[in-house]
Amino acid sequence: MNAVEITDLCWKYDGAKDYIFEHLNLIIRENIFMGIVGSNESGKTTLVSCIKGIIPNSMTGIYKGKVTLFGEHVKDCDSRVISESAGMVFSDPDAQFTTMSVEEEIAFGLENIGIPVEVIEERIKWVSEICHLEDLLEKPPFDLSGGQKQRVAIASVLAAKPKMIILDEPTSMLDPKSKDEVFEILEIIKKTLNMTVVVIEHNIEKIAELSDEVVLMKDGKIVRHMETRDFFKDVALLKDNSLKVPEGIELMYYLYDKFGINKTGPVKLEEITEEIKGLLAERKVG
């Protein structure tokens, strides 16, 4: 089963002049890590809001087409069914907090879906280890640093064990150290949990390293959707669509072009560095 199937989706916000999406189509395979990139106002957040069912269930507008989440049409699902399938983390974690301690915050969502107390305790321990929150459980979430807050928000979603987790620019409000901590958690999720992960993110280098597939959006359209290694092959197209291509990838493909090499290069930083070194060494020897 695909995690998400979007077919001929059209959406216009109530009172807006133009449609955000016109006959948009997308498939997200189950248990992959997908990065969604693009400039501001390209439709990224609106897209994940449709996947999560926020659109059209909590917003007014004109909605056509079909979005299915693990086989269920989101327009016809109640919020509990959707929550069991997909959890969502926003860029501003403060908007998600409702309790006076980290432990209560993680437990809150589980209590709402009727998880037994003994299971809640196990889940809190489990997600605290993944998100490095063991020493913060008794602290008020509003008193934490930005990075700590985001880790709590991620833990609160993971604790419910949804099939999919959606993160909408989870590092946009964080300092560099906190960004790295969030990406570390995302890497753990990818490697150890049997989940579909969808991340909207402006850090293209990290998206390249973590993602199995990448979607580029512009003006409400999907400009490019490919497996990650293939996605970055057309550097000129990506730059023409306002994407900040990682310098290493750009240099590698520049050298490929200069040396007459036609192949798909790596996307992980260490592998790119070794590839560039090899290309320059071969050229020097030649």
C-alpha atoms as a PDB file:
ATOM      1  CA  MET A   1       0.000   0.000   0.000  1.00  0.00           C
ATOM      2  CA  ASN A   2       1.131   3.553  -0.702  1.00  0.00           C
ATOM      3  CA  ALA A   3       1.132   5.856   2.299  1.00  0.00           C
ATOM      4  CA  VAL A   4      -0.408   8.737   0.329  1.00  0.00           C
ATOM      5  CA  GLU A   5      -2.120   8.939  -3.039  1.00  0.00           C
ATOM      6  CA  ILE A   6      -3.167  12.374  -4.317  1.00  0.00           C
ATOM      7  CA  THR A   7      -5.254  12.379  -7.473  1.00  0.00           C
ATOM      8  CA  ASP A   8      -6.303  15.514  -9.410  1.00  0.00           C
ATOM      9  CA  LEU A   9      -6.286  17.631  -6.265  1.00  0.00           C
ATOM     10  CA  CYS A  10      -7.649  21.155  -6.631  1.00  0.00           C
ATOM     11  CA  TRP A  11      -7.793  23.544  -3.699  1.00  0.00           C
ATOM     12  CA  LYS A  12      -8.665  27.215  -3.332  1.00  0.00           C
ATOM     13  CA  TYR A  13      -8.871  28.943   0.041  1.00  0.00           C
ATOM     14  CA  ASP A  14     -12.166  30.630   0.823  1.00  0.00           C
ATOM     15  CA  GLY A  15     -12.072  34.174  -0.570  1.00  0.00           C
ATOM     16  CA  ALA A  16      -8.919  33.592  -2.637  1.00  0.00           C
ATOM     17  CA  LYS A  17      -8.871  34.512  -6.310  1.00  0.00           C
ATOM     18  CA  ASP A  18      -6.792  31.602  -7.581  1.00  0.00           C
ATOM     19  CA  TYR A  19      -6.426  27.915  -6.843  1.00  0.00           C
ATOM     20  CA  ILE A  20      -3.325  26.863  -4.897  1.00  0.00           C
ATOM     21  CA  PHE A  21      -3.416  23.459  -6.600  1.00  0.00           C
ATOM     22  CA  GLU A  22      -4.902  22.553  -9.953  1.00  0.00           C
ATOM     23  CA  HIS A  23      -5.025  18.817 -10.704  1.00  0.00           C
ATOM     24  CA  LEU A  24      -2.040  17.996  -8.517  1.00  0.00           C
ATOM     25  CA  ASN A  25      -0.943  14.345  -8.380  1.00  0.00           C
ATOM     26  CA  LEU A  26       1.517  12.695  -6.004  1.00  0.00           C
ATOM     27  CA  ILE A  27       2.275   9.257  -4.580  1.00  0.00           C
ATOM     28  CA  ILE A  28       4.260   8.761  -1.380  1.00  0.00           C
ATOM     29  CA  ARG A  29       5.365   5.188  -0.894  1.00  0.00           C
ATOM     30  CA  GLU A  30       5.044   3.595   2.510  1.00  0.00           C
ATOM     31  CA  ASN A  31       8.051   3.607   4.874  1.00  0.00           C
ATOM     32  CA  ILE A  32      10.181   6.092   2.944  1.00  0.00           C
ATOM     33  CA  PHE A  33      11.745   9.383   4.021  1.00  0.00           C
ATOM     34  CA  MET A  34      10.534  12.141   1.688  1.00  0.00           C
ATOM     35  CA  GLY A  35      11.847  15.697   1.622  1.00  0.00           C
ATOM     36  CA  ILE A  36       9.674  18.509   0.275  1.00  0.00           C
ATOM     37  CA  VAL A  37      11.564  21.620  -0.819  1.00  0.00           C
ATOM     38  CA  GLY A  38      10.830  24.887  -2.587  1.00  0.00           C
ATOM     39  CA  SER A  39      10.678  28.609  -2.010  1.00  0.00           C
ATOM     40  CA  ASN A  40       8.236  30.299   0.351  1.00  0.00           C
ATOM     41  CA  GLU A  41       4.616  30.372  -0.842  1.00  0.00           C
ATOM     42  CA  SER A  42       5.226  27.431  -3.179  1.00  0.00           C
ATOM     43  CA  GLY A  43       2.444  25.340  -1.608  1.00  0.00           C
ATOM     44  CA  LYS A  44       4.478  23.030   0.642  1.00  0.00           C
ATOM     45  CA  THR A  45       2.525  23.604   3.859  1.00  0.00           C
ATOM     46  CA  THR A  46      -0.778  23.515   2.012  1.00  0.00           C
ATOM     47  CA  LEU A  47       0.220  20.164   0.529  1.00  0.00           C
ATOM     48  CA  VAL A  48       0.945  18.523   3.889  1.00  0.00           C
ATOM     49  CA  SER A  49      -2.215  20.099   5.322  1.00  0.00           C
ATOM     50  CA  CYS A  50      -4.143  18.215   2.634  1.00  0.00           C
ATOM     51  CA  ILE A  51      -2.327  14.981   3.490  1.00  0.00           C
ATOM     52  CA  LYS A  52      -3.069  15.426   7.202  1.00  0.00           C
ATOM     53  CA  GLY A  53      -6.720  16.265   6.468  1.00  0.00           C
ATOM     54  CA  ILE A  54      -6.524  19.773   7.928  1.00  0.00           C
ATOM     55  CA  ILE A  55      -7.685  20.689   4.432  1.00  0.00           C
ATOM     56  CA  PRO A  56     -10.615  20.396   3.840  1.00  0.00           C
ATOM     57  CA  ASN A  57     -11.802  19.204   7.275  1.00  0.00           C
ATOM     58  CA  SER A  58     -10.739  22.287   9.264  1.00  0.00           C
ATOM     59  CA  MET A  59     -10.606  24.960   6.559  1.00  0.00           C
ATOM     60  CA  THR A  60     -13.151  26.362   4.153  1.00  0.00           C
ATOM     61  CA  GLY A  61     -12.581  26.587   0.433  1.00  0.00           C
ATOM     62  CA  ILE A  62     -13.167  24.768  -2.826  1.00  0.00           C
ATOM     63  CA  TYR A  63     -11.824  21.199  -2.750  1.00  0.00           C
ATOM     64  CA  LYS A  64     -11.819  18.765  -5.653  1.00  0.00           C
ATOM     65  CA  GLY A  65     -10.014  15.521  -6.313  1.00  0.00           C
ATOM     66  CA  LYS A  66      -8.970  12.830  -3.865  1.00  0.00           C
ATOM     67  CA  VAL A  67      -6.376  12.367  -1.147  1.00  0.00           C
ATOM     68  CA  THR A  68      -6.010   8.956   0.452  1.00  0.00           C
ATOM     69  CA  LEU A  69      -3.958   8.260   3.563  1.00  0.00           C
ATOM     70  CA  PHE A  70      -3.106   4.562   3.910  1.00  0.00           C
ATOM     71  CA  GLY A  71      -6.118   3.756   1.760  1.00  0.00           C
ATOM     72  CA  GLU A  72      -8.597   6.027   3.558  1.00  0.00           C
ATOM     73  CA  HIS A  73     -10.086   9.104   1.871  1.00  0.00           C
ATOM     74  CA  VAL A  74      -9.104  11.924   4.262  1.00  0.00           C
ATOM     75  CA  LYS A  75     -12.181  13.970   3.404  1.00  0.00           C
ATOM     76  CA  ASP A  76     -14.390  11.229   4.836  1.00  0.00           C
ATOM     77  CA  CYS A  77     -12.242  10.285   7.872  1.00  0.00           C
ATOM     78  CA  ASP A  78     -12.794  11.479  11.406  1.00  0.00           C
ATOM     79  CA  SER A  79      -9.885  13.148  13.194  1.00  0.00           C
ATOM     80  CA  ARG A  80      -9.071  10.113  15.328  1.00  0.00           C
ATOM     81  CA  VAL A  81      -8.566   7.825  12.337  1.00  0.00           C
ATOM     82  CA  ILE A  82      -6.332  10.414  10.668  1.00  0.00           C
ATOM     83  CA  SER A  83      -4.333  10.936  13.884  1.00  0.00           C
ATOM     84  CA  GLU A  84      -3.640   7.219  14.111  1.00  0.00           C
ATOM     85  CA  SER A  85      -2.281   7.324  10.564  1.00  0.00           C
ATOM     86  CA  ALA A  86      -0.349  10.615  10.574  1.00  0.00           C
ATOM     87  CA  GLY A  87       1.064  12.916  13.225  1.00  0.00           C
ATOM     88  CA  MET A  88       2.278  16.428  12.481  1.00  0.00           C
ATOM     89  CA  VAL A  89       5.031  18.612  13.957  1.00  0.00           C
ATOM     90  CA  PHE A  90       4.962  22.341  13.198  1.00  0.00           C
ATOM     91  CA  SER A  91       7.765  24.901  13.034  1.00  0.00           C
ATOM     92  CA  ASP A  92       6.568  26.587  16.243  1.00  0.00           C
ATOM     93  CA  PRO A  93       6.379  23.961  19.024  1.00  0.00           C
ATOM     94  CA  ASP A  94       4.785  26.408  21.482  1.00  0.00           C
ATOM     95  CA  ALA A  95       1.598  26.176  19.432  1.00  0.00           C
ATOM     96  CA  GLN A  96       1.310  22.477  20.351  1.00  0.00           C
ATOM     97  CA  PHE A  97       1.900  22.632  24.126  1.00  0.00           C
ATOM     98  CA  THR A  98      -1.047  22.319  26.537  1.00  0.00           C
ATOM     99  CA  THR A  99       0.400  21.027  29.842  1.00  0.00           C
ATOM    100  CA  MET A 100       2.824  22.047  32.586  1.00  0.00           C
ATOM    101  CA  SER A 101       5.536  19.380  32.243  1.00  0.00           C
ATOM    102  CA  VAL A 102       7.264  17.511  29.450  1.00  0.00           C
ATOM    103  CA  GLU A 103       6.044  14.187  30.841  1.00  0.00           C
ATOM    104  CA  GLU A 104       2.434  15.400  30.933  1.00  0.00           C
ATOM    105  CA  GLU A 105       2.793  16.798  27.419  1.00  0.00           C
ATOM    106  CA  ILE A 106       3.850  13.444  26.019  1.00  0.00           C
ATOM    107  CA  ALA A 107       1.137  11.643  28.001  1.00  0.00           C
ATOM    108  CA  PHE A 108      -1.640  14.056  27.032  1.00  0.00           C
ATOM    109  CA  GLY A 109      -2.156  12.829  23.481  1.00  0.00           C
ATOM    110  CA  LEU A 110      -1.929   9.195  24.564  1.00  0.00           C
ATOM    111  CA  GLU A 111      -4.603   9.670  27.215  1.00  0.00           C
ATOM    112  CA  ASN A 112      -6.881  11.226  24.630  1.00  0.00           C
ATOM    113  CA  ILE A 113      -6.764   8.102  22.473  1.00  0.00           C
ATOM    114  CA  GLY A 114      -7.311   5.752  25.398  1.00  0.00           C
ATOM    115  CA  ILE A 115      -3.838   4.239  25.805  1.00  0.00           C
ATOM    116  CA  PRO A 116      -3.574   2.298  29.133  1.00  0.00           C
ATOM    117  CA  VAL A 117      -1.512   3.925  31.903  1.00  0.00           C
ATOM    118  CA  GLU A 118       1.172   1.234  31.952  1.00  0.00           C
ATOM    119  CA  VAL A 119       1.619   1.564  28.173  1.00  0.00           C
ATOM    120  CA  ILE A 120       1.815   5.357  28.464  1.00  0.00           C
ATOM    121  CA  GLU A 121       4.691   4.990  30.918  1.00  0.00           C
ATOM    122  CA  GLU A 122       6.499   2.688  28.477  1.00  0.00           C
ATOM    123  CA  ARG A 123       5.917   5.081  25.576  1.00  0.00           C
ATOM    124  CA  ILE A 124       7.230   8.065  27.571  1.00  0.00           C
ATOM    125  CA  LYS A 125      10.425   6.175  28.396  1.00  0.00           C
ATOM    126  CA  TRP A 126      10.793   5.060  24.782  1.00  0.00           C
ATOM    127  CA  VAL A 127      10.405   8.477  23.129  1.00  0.00           C
ATOM    128  CA  SER A 128      12.446  10.199  25.844  1.00  0.00           C
ATOM    129  CA  GLU A 129      15.402   8.035  24.876  1.00  0.00           C
ATOM    130  CA  ILE A 130      14.940   8.695  21.158  1.00  0.00           C
ATOM    131  CA  CYS A 131      14.577  12.459  21.631  1.00  0.00           C
ATOM    132  CA  HIS A 132      17.056  12.814  24.516  1.00  0.00           C
ATOM    133  CA  LEU A 133      14.516  14.105  27.032  1.00  0.00           C
ATOM    134  CA  GLU A 134      15.292  11.913  30.055  1.00  0.00           C
ATOM    135  CA  ASP A 135      16.500  14.860  32.168  1.00  0.00           C
ATOM    136  CA  LEU A 136      13.693  17.214  31.083  1.00  0.00           C
ATOM    137  CA  LEU A 137      10.541  15.246  31.917  1.00  0.00           C
ATOM    138  CA  GLU A 138       9.631  17.292  35.009  1.00  0.00           C
ATOM    139  CA  LYS A 139      10.346  20.690  33.436  1.00  0.00           C
ATOM    140  CA  PRO A 140       7.620  22.974  32.004  1.00  0.00           C
ATOM    141  CA  PRO A 141       7.863  22.826  28.187  1.00  0.00           C
ATOM    142  CA  PHE A 142       7.496  26.606  27.905  1.00  0.00           C
ATOM    143  CA  ASP A 143      10.723  27.072  29.918  1.00  0.00           C
ATOM    144  CA  LEU A 144      12.863  25.009  27.563  1.00  0.00           C
ATOM    145  CA  SER A 145      15.148  26.185  24.780  1.00  0.00           C
ATOM    146  CA  GLY A 146      13.864  26.219  21.223  1.00  0.00           C
ATOM    147  CA  GLY A 147      15.634  22.997  20.332  1.00  0.00           C
ATOM    148  CA  GLN A 148      14.406  21.237  23.462  1.00  0.00           C
ATOM    149  CA  LYS A 149      10.843  22.351  22.740  1.00  0.00           C
ATOM    150  CA  GLN A 150      11.009  20.931  19.242  1.00  0.00           C
ATOM    151  CA  ARG A 151      12.305  17.634  20.583  1.00  0.00           C
ATOM    152  CA  VAL A 152       9.333  17.521  22.972  1.00  0.00           C
ATOM    153  CA  ALA A 153       6.952  18.227  20.084  1.00  0.00           C
ATOM    154  CA  ILE A 154       8.490  15.401  18.046  1.00  0.00           C
ATOM    155  CA  ALA A 155       8.356  13.040  21.041  1.00  0.00           C
ATOM    156  CA  SER A 156       4.689  13.842  21.649  1.00  0.00           C
ATOM    157  CA  VAL A 157       3.835  12.856  18.085  1.00  0.00           C
ATOM    158  CA  LEU A 158       6.054   9.760  18.037  1.00  0.00           C
ATOM    159  CA  ALA A 159       4.557   8.482  21.295  1.00  0.00           C
ATOM    160  CA  ALA A 160       1.247   7.774  19.553  1.00  0.00           C
ATOM    161  CA  LYS A 161       3.118   5.569  17.044  1.00  0.00           C
ATOM    162  CA  PRO A 162       1.406   6.854  13.898  1.00  0.00           C
ATOM    163  CA  LYS A 163       2.230   5.243  10.572  1.00  0.00           C
ATOM    164  CA  MET A 164       3.518   8.577   9.281  1.00  0.00           C
ATOM    165  CA  ILE A 165       5.101  11.654  10.812  1.00  0.00           C
ATOM    166  CA  ILE A 166       4.966  14.985   8.963  1.00  0.00           C
ATOM    167  CA  LEU A 167       7.340  17.794   9.967  1.00  0.00           C
ATOM    168  CA  ASP A 168       6.700  21.276   8.600  1.00  0.00           C
ATOM    169  CA  GLU A 169       9.991  23.205   8.705  1.00  0.00           C
ATOM    170  CA  PRO A 170      10.975  21.745  12.098  1.00  0.00           C
ATOM    171  CA  THR A 171      14.328  23.584  12.250  1.00  0.00           C
ATOM    172  CA  SER A 172      13.331  26.993  10.868  1.00  0.00           C
ATOM    173  CA  MET A 173      13.272  28.675  14.304  1.00  0.00           C
ATOM    174  CA  LEU A 174      16.339  26.948  15.767  1.00  0.00           C
ATOM    175  CA  ASP A 175      20.017  27.766  16.247  1.00  0.00           C
ATOM    176  CA  PRO A 176      22.629  25.609  14.461  1.00  0.00           C
ATOM    177  CA  LYS A 177      23.238  23.261  17.429  1.00  0.00           C
ATOM    178  CA  SER A 178      19.511  22.666  17.902  1.00  0.00           C
ATOM    179  CA  LYS A 179      19.067  22.075  14.170  1.00  0.00           C
ATOM    180  CA  ASP A 180      21.703  19.338  14.328  1.00  0.00           C
ATOM    181  CA  GLU A 181      19.913  17.724  17.289  1.00  0.00           C
ATOM    182  CA  VAL A 182      16.636  17.588  15.351  1.00  0.00           C
ATOM    183  CA  PHE A 183      18.330  16.094  12.292  1.00  0.00           C
ATOM    184  CA  GLU A 184      19.973  13.507  14.548  1.00  0.00           C
ATOM    185  CA  ILE A 185      16.508  12.479  15.783  1.00  0.00           C
ATOM    186  CA  LEU A 186      15.220  12.306  12.216  1.00  0.00           C
ATOM    187  CA  GLU A 187      18.113  10.022  11.318  1.00  0.00           C
ATOM    188  CA  ILE A 188      17.248   7.752  14.268  1.00  0.00           C
ATOM    189  CA  ILE A 189      13.608   7.677  13.164  1.00  0.00           C
ATOM    190  CA  LYS A 190      14.635   6.744   9.636  1.00  0.00           C
ATOM    191  CA  LYS A 191      17.023   3.988  10.706  1.00  0.00           C
ATOM    192  CA  THR A 192      15.099   2.410  13.583  1.00  0.00           C
ATOM    193  CA  LEU A 193      11.363   3.028  13.171  1.00  0.00           C
ATOM    194  CA  ASN A 194       9.067   1.518  10.584  1.00  0.00           C
ATOM    195  CA  MET A 195       7.497   4.847   9.601  1.00  0.00           C
ATOM    196  CA  THR A 196       6.828   7.056   6.617  1.00  0.00           C
ATOM    197  CA  VAL A 197       8.528  10.429   7.181  1.00  0.00           C
ATOM    198  CA  VAL A 198       7.656  13.605   5.263  1.00  0.00           C
ATOM    199  CA  VAL A 199       9.744  16.711   5.995  1.00  0.00           C
ATOM    200  CA  ILE A 200       9.446  20.239   4.648  1.00  0.00           C
ATOM    201  CA  GLU A 201      12.885  21.734   5.076  1.00  0.00           C
ATOM    202  CA  HIS A 202      15.134  24.519   3.751  1.00  0.00           C
ATOM    203  CA  ASN A 203      18.368  22.773   4.750  1.00  0.00           C
ATOM    204  CA  ILE A 204      18.876  21.096   1.396  1.00  0.00           C
ATOM    205  CA  GLU A 205      22.141  19.431   2.407  1.00  0.00           C
ATOM    206  CA  LYS A 206      20.419  17.508   5.201  1.00  0.00           C
ATOM    207  CA  ILE A 207      17.483  16.665   2.956  1.00  0.00           C
ATOM    208  CA  ALA A 208      19.929  15.239   0.432  1.00  0.00           C
ATOM    209  CA  GLU A 209      21.562  13.061   3.069  1.00  0.00           C
ATOM    210  CA  LEU A 210      18.380  11.765   4.730  1.00  0.00           C
ATOM    211  CA  SER A 211      15.756  11.521   1.999  1.00  0.00           C
ATOM    212  CA  ASP A 212      14.896   8.541  -0.164  1.00  0.00           C
ATOM    213  CA  GLU A 213      12.890  10.816  -2.475  1.00  0.00           C
ATOM    214  CA  VAL A 214      12.620  14.589  -2.883  1.00  0.00           C
ATOM    215  CA  VAL A 215       9.753  16.747  -4.173  1.00  0.00           C
ATOM    216  CA  LEU A 216      10.379  20.258  -5.492  1.00  0.00           C
ATOM    217  CA  MET A 217       7.386  22.590  -5.486  1.00  0.00           C
ATOM    218  CA  LYS A 218       6.861  25.956  -7.155  1.00  0.00           C
ATOM    219  CA  ASP A 219       3.658  27.975  -7.511  1.00  0.00           C
ATOM    220  CA  GLY A 220       1.499  25.091  -6.318  1.00  0.00           C
ATOM    221  CA  LYS A 221       2.984  22.629  -8.809  1.00  0.00           C
ATOM    222  CA  ILE A 222       5.313  19.670  -8.409  1.00  0.00           C
ATOM    223  CA  VAL A 223       8.249  20.588 -10.610  1.00  0.00           C
ATOM    224  CA  ARG A 224      10.383  17.550  -9.840  1.00  0.00           C
ATOM    225  CA  HIS A 225       9.833  14.320  -7.871  1.00  0.00           C
ATOM    226  CA  MET A 226      12.571  11.719  -7.975  1.00  0.00           C
ATOM    227  CA  GLU A 227      14.724   9.437  -5.894  1.00  0.00           C
ATOM    228  CA  THR A 228      17.280  11.643  -4.179  1.00  0.00           C
ATOM    229  CA  ARG A 229      20.373  10.800  -6.230  1.00  0.00           C
ATOM    230  CA  ASP A 230      18.503  11.456  -9.478  1.00  0.00           C
ATOM    231  CA  PHE A 231      16.803  14.564  -8.082  1.00  0.00           C
ATOM    232  CA  PHE A 232      20.056  16.503  -7.746  1.00  0.00           C
ATOM    233  CA  LYS A 233      21.453  15.566 -11.149  1.00  0.00           C
ATOM    234  CA  ASP A 234      19.953  18.577 -12.964  1.00  0.00           C
ATOM    235  CA  VAL A 235      21.616  21.380 -11.007  1.00  0.00           C
ATOM    236  CA  ALA A 236      20.574  24.089 -13.485  1.00  0.00           C
ATOM    237  CA  LEU A 237      16.889  23.164 -13.199  1.00  0.00           C
ATOM    238  CA  LEU A 238      17.032  23.214  -9.413  1.00  0.00           C
ATOM    239  CA  LYS A 239      18.740  26.620  -9.331  1.00  0.00           C
ATOM    240  CA  ASP A 240      16.252  27.988 -11.867  1.00  0.00           C
ATOM    241  CA  ASN A 241      13.542  27.023  -9.383  1.00  0.00           C
ATOM    242  CA  SER A 242      15.151  28.960  -6.518  1.00  0.00           C
ATOM    243  CA  LEU A 243      16.684  25.926  -4.821  1.00  0.00           C
ATOM    244  CA  LYS A 244      19.991  26.413  -3.019  1.00  0.00           C
ATOM    245  CA  VAL A 245      21.920  23.391  -4.263  1.00  0.00           C
ATOM    246  CA  PRO A 246      24.616  22.199  -1.807  1.00  0.00           C
ATOM    247  CA  GLU A 247      28.004  23.475  -2.913  1.00  0.00           C
ATOM    248  CA  GLY A 248      29.550  20.006  -2.963  1.00  0.00           C
ATOM    249  CA  ILE A 249      26.858  18.640  -5.283  1.00  0.00           C
ATOM    250  CA  GLU A 250      27.133  21.668  -7.555  1.00  0.00           C
ATOM    251  CA  LEU A 251      30.931  21.360  -7.779  1.00  0.00           C
ATOM    252  CA  MET A 252      30.754  17.620  -8.421  1.00  0.00           C
ATOM    253  CA  TYR A 253      28.371  18.022 -11.360  1.00  0.00           C
ATOM    254  CA  TYR A 254      30.434  20.952 -12.671  1.00  0.00           C
ATOM    255  CA  LEU A 255      33.442  18.627 -12.767  1.00  0.00           C
ATOM    256  CA  TYR A 256      31.409  15.864 -14.390  1.00  0.00           C
ATOM    257  CA  ASP A 257      30.414  18.294 -17.126  1.00  0.00           C
ATOM    258  CA  LYS A 258      33.926  19.675 -17.500  1.00  0.00           C
ATOM    259  CA  PHE A 259      35.470  16.204 -17.771  1.00  0.00           C
ATOM    260  CA  GLY A 260      32.745  14.803 -20.036  1.00  0.00           C
ATOM    261  CA  ILE A 261      31.400  12.364 -17.436  1.00  0.00           C
ATOM    262  CA  ASN A 262      27.731  11.382 -17.619  1.00  0.00           C
ATOM    263  CA  LYS A 263      26.625   9.677 -14.426  1.00  0.00           C
ATOM    264  CA  THR A 264      24.597  10.162 -11.270  1.00  0.00           C
ATOM    265  CA  GLY A 265      26.765  11.196  -8.347  1.00  0.00           C
ATOM    266  CA  PRO A 266      26.416  10.631  -4.603  1.00  0.00           C
ATOM    267  CA  VAL A 267      24.463  12.973  -2.295  1.00  0.00           C
ATOM    268  CA  LYS A 268      26.060  12.339   1.102  1.00  0.00           C
ATOM    269  CA  LEU A 269      28.732  14.860   2.064  1.00  0.00           C
ATOM    270  CA  GLU A 270      31.497  12.349   2.804  1.00  0.00           C
ATOM    271  CA  GLU A 271      30.881  10.495  -0.459  1.00  0.00           C
ATOM    272  CA  ILE A 272      30.769  13.748  -2.453  1.00  0.00           C
ATOM    273  CA  THR A 273      34.092  14.836  -0.950  1.00  0.00           C
ATOM    274  CA  GLU A 274      35.739  11.549  -1.904  1.00  0.00           C
ATOM    275  CA  GLU A 275      34.218  11.721  -5.399  1.00  0.00           C
ATOM    276  CA  ILE A 276      35.576  15.230  -5.989  1.00  0.00           C
ATOM    277  CA  LYS A 277      39.012  14.250  -4.692  1.00  0.00           C
ATOM    278  CA  GLY A 278      39.037  11.274  -7.022  1.00  0.00           C
ATOM    279  CA  LEU A 279      38.005  13.345 -10.026  1.00  0.00           C
ATOM    280  CA  LEU A 280      40.719  15.944  -9.391  1.00  0.00           C
ATOM    281  CA  ALA A 281      43.357  13.276  -8.751  1.00  0.00           C
ATOM    282  CA  GLU A 282      42.496  11.432 -11.968  1.00  0.00           C
ATOM    283  CA  ARG A 283      42.586  14.686 -13.940  1.00  0.00           C
ATOM    284  CA  LYS A 284      45.954  15.603 -12.440  1.00  0.00           C
ATOM    285  CA  VAL A 285      47.407  12.205 -13.293  1.00  0.00           C
ATOM    286  CA  GLY A 286      45.941  12.422 -16.787  1.00  0.00           C
END
